[in-house]
Amino acid sequence: MAELYKAILFLNYALLLSVILLGAAKYRILNHKEKQYFHCIAFLFFIELLNLALPYIFRLNDTSFLYPLYIAGEFFLLTGLFIRKLDWSRYVLLTVGVLAAGFMISKYGFDYPANADIAKVVSNIIIICLSGFTLILEIKNTSAQNRFLVVDASIFFYYSVSVFIFIIQHQIANLSENDYYTILSANNILSSILYCSFLYTFFRLKK
């Protein structure tokens, strides 16, 4: 099972790199709101790159300190994306930014909450709600062109299933090695689906 997990993981890395390269090539034809999609995927690429580079290049095996940054950055960028698409007030976006910054200050400065997974679950639930609401409006408004509908649907699907897997994983006290890799592989398959939706959308984009 560990070998399957590694194979899917490296497939994910290849897909993510492909998304970054194709997205960068198409960046100039994206409108203001659509550019936020590239910013989100670029941030994820940056975090994954650090997770790979720090242990192998700088011999820093413990990269857990990146986790709060990942949670806050993911939360701010994705919620900001949907807030802009919904044309909500800038004050809502400012509130989201304050929450993300407050979490990092609290975690890095005071180690609160002690279990950052709580913030991860709350963050994912908020992302699910915003992406789901946005998706409903996009489907209802068939007259408006939305070139990222597939990506929005994939984001909703990924975070909905991912948070369920995350909660189940933490409810099981003793996981066998095979069960552990099965859960990780399932989550990586979801990531692959999300990256493929980006590739599909970027590939189809035209001026």
Protein backbone atom coordinates (compact mmCIF):
# COMPACT_ATOMS: atom_id res chain seq x y z
CA MET A 1 0.00 0.00 0.00
CA ALA A 2 2.92 2.30 0.69
CA GLU A 3 4.13 1.92 -2.91
CA LEU A 4 0.70 2.85 -4.25
CA TYR A 5 0.67 5.90 -2.00
CA LYS A 6 4.08 7.02 -3.32
CA ALA A 7 2.99 6.49 -6.92
CA ILE A 8 -0.14 8.63 -6.45
CA LEU A 9 1.88 11.24 -4.55
CA PHE A 10 4.40 11.66 -7.37
CA LEU A 11 1.54 11.77 -9.87
CA ASN A 12 0.11 14.63 -7.84
CA TYR A 13 3.42 16.47 -7.94
CA ALA A 14 3.57 16.07 -11.72
CA LEU A 15 -0.02 17.30 -12.11
CA LEU A 16 0.58 20.27 -9.82
CA LEU A 17 3.69 21.29 -11.75
CA SER A 18 1.76 20.97 -15.02
CA VAL A 19 -1.02 23.18 -13.65
CA ILE A 20 1.50 25.85 -12.61
CA LEU A 21 3.23 25.88 -15.99
CA LEU A 22 0.00 25.92 -18.00
CA GLY A 23 -1.60 28.46 -15.67
CA ALA A 24 1.42 30.76 -15.97
CA ALA A 25 1.20 30.52 -19.76
CA LYS A 26 -2.50 31.48 -19.67
CA TYR A 27 -2.21 34.08 -16.90
CA ARG A 28 -2.44 37.11 -19.18
CA ILE A 29 -5.83 36.09 -20.58
CA LEU A 30 -7.38 35.66 -17.13
CA ASN A 31 -9.64 38.40 -15.81
CA HIS A 32 -9.19 39.94 -12.36
CA LYS A 33 -11.33 37.37 -10.53
CA GLU A 34 -9.95 34.39 -12.47
CA LYS A 35 -6.35 35.28 -11.57
CA GLN A 36 -7.21 34.36 -7.99
CA TYR A 37 -7.44 30.70 -9.08
CA PHE A 38 -3.82 30.81 -10.21
CA HIS A 39 -2.78 32.52 -6.97
CA CYS A 40 -4.42 29.71 -4.98
CA ILE A 41 -2.71 26.94 -6.92
CA ALA A 42 0.62 28.84 -6.87
CA PHE A 43 0.44 29.07 -3.07
CA LEU A 44 -0.20 25.34 -2.82
CA PHE A 45 2.75 24.69 -5.15
CA PHE A 46 4.94 26.92 -2.95
CA ILE A 47 4.00 24.97 0.19
CA GLU A 48 4.60 21.61 -1.49
CA LEU A 49 7.93 22.84 -2.82
CA LEU A 50 9.01 23.89 0.68
CA ASN A 51 7.94 20.52 2.08
CA LEU A 52 10.17 18.82 -0.49
CA ALA A 53 13.11 21.23 -0.42
CA LEU A 54 13.55 21.70 3.33
CA PRO A 55 14.25 18.03 4.18
CA TYR A 56 16.36 17.19 1.11
CA ILE A 57 18.27 20.43 0.55
CA PHE A 58 18.44 21.99 4.01
CA ARG A 59 18.25 18.74 6.04
CA LEU A 60 15.30 20.11 7.97
CA ASN A 61 13.19 17.01 8.56
CA ASP A 62 10.47 18.63 10.67
CA THR A 63 8.35 20.88 8.43
CA SER A 64 5.31 20.93 10.71
CA PHE A 65 5.86 24.66 11.29
CA LEU A 66 4.52 25.21 7.75
CA TYR A 67 1.13 23.75 8.68
CA PRO A 68 -0.38 26.93 10.25
CA LEU A 69 0.87 28.97 7.26
CA TYR A 70 -0.76 26.46 4.91
CA ILE A 71 -4.09 26.57 6.81
CA ALA A 72 -4.18 30.39 6.96
CA GLY A 73 -3.04 30.89 3.36
CA GLU A 74 -5.45 28.32 1.95
CA PHE A 75 -8.32 29.82 3.97
CA PHE A 76 -7.60 33.41 2.95
CA LEU A 77 -7.03 32.71 -0.75
CA LEU A 78 -9.98 30.38 -1.31
CA THR A 79 -12.50 32.32 0.75
CA GLY A 80 -11.23 35.50 -0.91
CA LEU A 81 -11.77 33.88 -4.30
CA PHE A 82 -15.43 33.11 -3.62
CA ILE A 83 -16.08 36.42 -1.83
CA ARG A 84 -14.90 38.23 -4.97
CA LYS A 85 -17.00 35.99 -7.23
CA LEU A 86 -20.06 36.70 -5.08
CA ASP A 87 -19.32 40.45 -5.23
CA TRP A 88 -19.54 40.76 -1.47
CA SER A 89 -18.28 43.79 0.40
CA ARG A 90 -14.56 44.36 0.81
CA TYR A 91 -15.18 44.42 4.54
CA VAL A 92 -15.99 40.70 4.38
CA LEU A 93 -12.67 40.09 2.64
CA LEU A 94 -10.93 42.24 5.24
CA THR A 95 -12.56 40.20 8.02
CA VAL A 96 -11.28 36.99 6.43
CA GLY A 97 -7.78 38.47 6.23
CA VAL A 98 -7.89 39.45 9.91
CA LEU A 99 -9.03 35.94 10.85
CA ALA A 100 -6.22 34.33 8.85
CA ALA A 101 -3.59 36.69 10.29
CA GLY A 102 -5.01 36.28 13.78
CA PHE A 103 -4.76 32.51 13.55
CA MET A 104 -1.08 32.66 12.52
CA ILE A 105 -0.25 35.13 15.29
CA SER A 106 -2.09 32.99 17.83
CA LYS A 107 -0.47 29.75 16.67
CA TYR A 108 3.09 30.95 16.13
CA GLY A 109 3.09 33.37 19.06
CA PHE A 110 1.09 31.53 21.71
CA ASP A 111 0.68 27.99 20.31
CA TYR A 112 -3.10 28.35 20.44
CA PRO A 113 -5.02 26.30 19.56
CA ALA A 114 -2.63 23.51 20.53
CA ASN A 115 -4.23 21.27 17.90
CA ALA A 116 -4.14 23.15 14.58
CA ASP A 117 -6.36 20.44 13.06
CA ILE A 118 -9.35 22.17 14.68
CA ALA A 119 -8.65 25.30 12.64
CA LYS A 120 -8.18 23.13 9.55
CA VAL A 121 -11.61 21.54 9.92
CA VAL A 122 -13.34 24.89 10.58
CA SER A 123 -11.49 26.44 7.61
CA ASN A 124 -12.54 23.60 5.30
CA ILE A 125 -16.19 23.80 6.39
CA ILE A 126 -16.25 27.54 5.60
CA ILE A 127 -14.68 26.86 2.19
CA ILE A 128 -17.28 24.14 1.53
CA CYS A 129 -20.14 26.52 2.38
CA LEU A 130 -18.81 29.35 0.22
CA SER A 131 -17.94 27.13 -2.76
CA GLY A 132 -21.30 25.34 -2.55
CA PHE A 133 -23.24 28.61 -2.41
CA THR A 134 -21.23 30.01 -5.33
CA LEU A 135 -21.79 26.82 -7.32
CA ILE A 136 -25.57 26.96 -6.81
CA LEU A 137 -25.70 30.56 -8.07
CA GLU A 138 -23.49 29.72 -11.06
CA ILE A 139 -25.69 26.79 -12.07
CA LYS A 140 -28.86 28.88 -11.71
CA ASN A 141 -27.41 31.78 -13.71
CA THR A 142 -26.95 29.87 -16.96
CA SER A 143 -26.82 33.08 -19.01
CA ALA A 144 -23.52 34.17 -17.47
CA GLN A 145 -20.26 32.76 -18.80
CA ASN A 146 -18.24 31.01 -16.14
CA ARG A 147 -15.08 29.46 -17.46
CA PHE A 148 -14.15 27.97 -14.07
CA LEU A 149 -17.38 26.14 -13.28
CA VAL A 150 -15.63 22.75 -13.41
CA VAL A 151 -12.94 23.98 -11.00
CA ASP A 152 -15.55 25.36 -8.59
CA ALA A 153 -17.36 22.01 -8.62
CA SER A 154 -14.07 20.18 -8.02
CA ILE A 155 -13.17 22.47 -5.12
CA PHE A 156 -16.54 21.79 -3.50
CA PHE A 157 -16.18 18.05 -4.08
CA TYR A 158 -12.57 17.92 -2.86
CA TYR A 159 -13.14 19.79 0.40
CA SER A 160 -16.44 18.06 1.15
CA VAL A 161 -14.96 14.57 0.89
CA SER A 162 -11.57 15.59 2.28
CA VAL A 163 -12.99 17.00 5.52
CA PHE A 164 -15.04 13.82 5.95
CA ILE A 165 -11.91 11.68 5.52
CA PHE A 166 -10.00 13.98 7.87
CA ILE A 167 -12.61 13.63 10.62
CA ILE A 168 -12.89 9.85 10.18
CA GLN A 169 -9.10 9.52 10.36
CA HIS A 170 -9.00 11.32 13.71
CA GLN A 171 -11.87 9.26 15.11
CA ILE A 172 -10.01 6.00 14.61
CA ALA A 173 -7.65 5.56 17.55
CA ASN A 174 -5.37 2.91 16.13
CA LEU A 175 -4.78 2.81 12.40
CA SER A 176 -2.83 -0.01 10.82
CA GLU A 177 -0.13 0.98 8.35
CA ASN A 178 -2.25 -0.19 5.42
CA ASP A 179 -5.28 1.77 6.65
CA TYR A 180 -3.14 4.86 7.11
CA TYR A 181 -1.78 4.70 3.57
CA THR A 182 -5.25 3.92 2.21
CA ILE A 183 -6.62 7.13 3.72
CA LEU A 184 -3.67 9.17 2.46
CA SER A 185 -4.01 7.64 -1.01
CA ALA A 186 -7.73 8.44 -1.10
CA ASN A 187 -7.01 12.07 -0.24
CA ASN A 188 -4.28 12.23 -2.88
CA ILE A 189 -6.68 10.85 -5.49
CA LEU A 190 -9.04 13.70 -4.63
CA SER A 191 -6.16 16.13 -5.11
CA SER A 192 -5.46 14.58 -8.52
CA ILE A 193 -9.07 15.16 -9.56
CA LEU A 194 -8.82 18.79 -8.46
CA TYR A 195 -5.56 19.34 -10.36
CA CYS A 196 -7.03 17.71 -13.47
CA SER A 197 -9.96 20.14 -13.34
CA PHE A 198 -7.45 23.02 -13.35
CA LEU A 199 -5.56 21.48 -16.26
CA TYR A 200 -8.79 20.97 -18.22
CA THR A 201 -9.93 24.54 -17.58
CA PHE A 202 -6.59 26.20 -18.31
CA PHE A 203 -6.18 24.13 -21.48
CA ARG A 204 -9.59 25.25 -22.80
CA LEU A 205 -9.09 28.94 -22.04
CA LYS A 206 -9.04 31.27 -25.01
CA LYS A 207 -8.82 35.04 -25.36
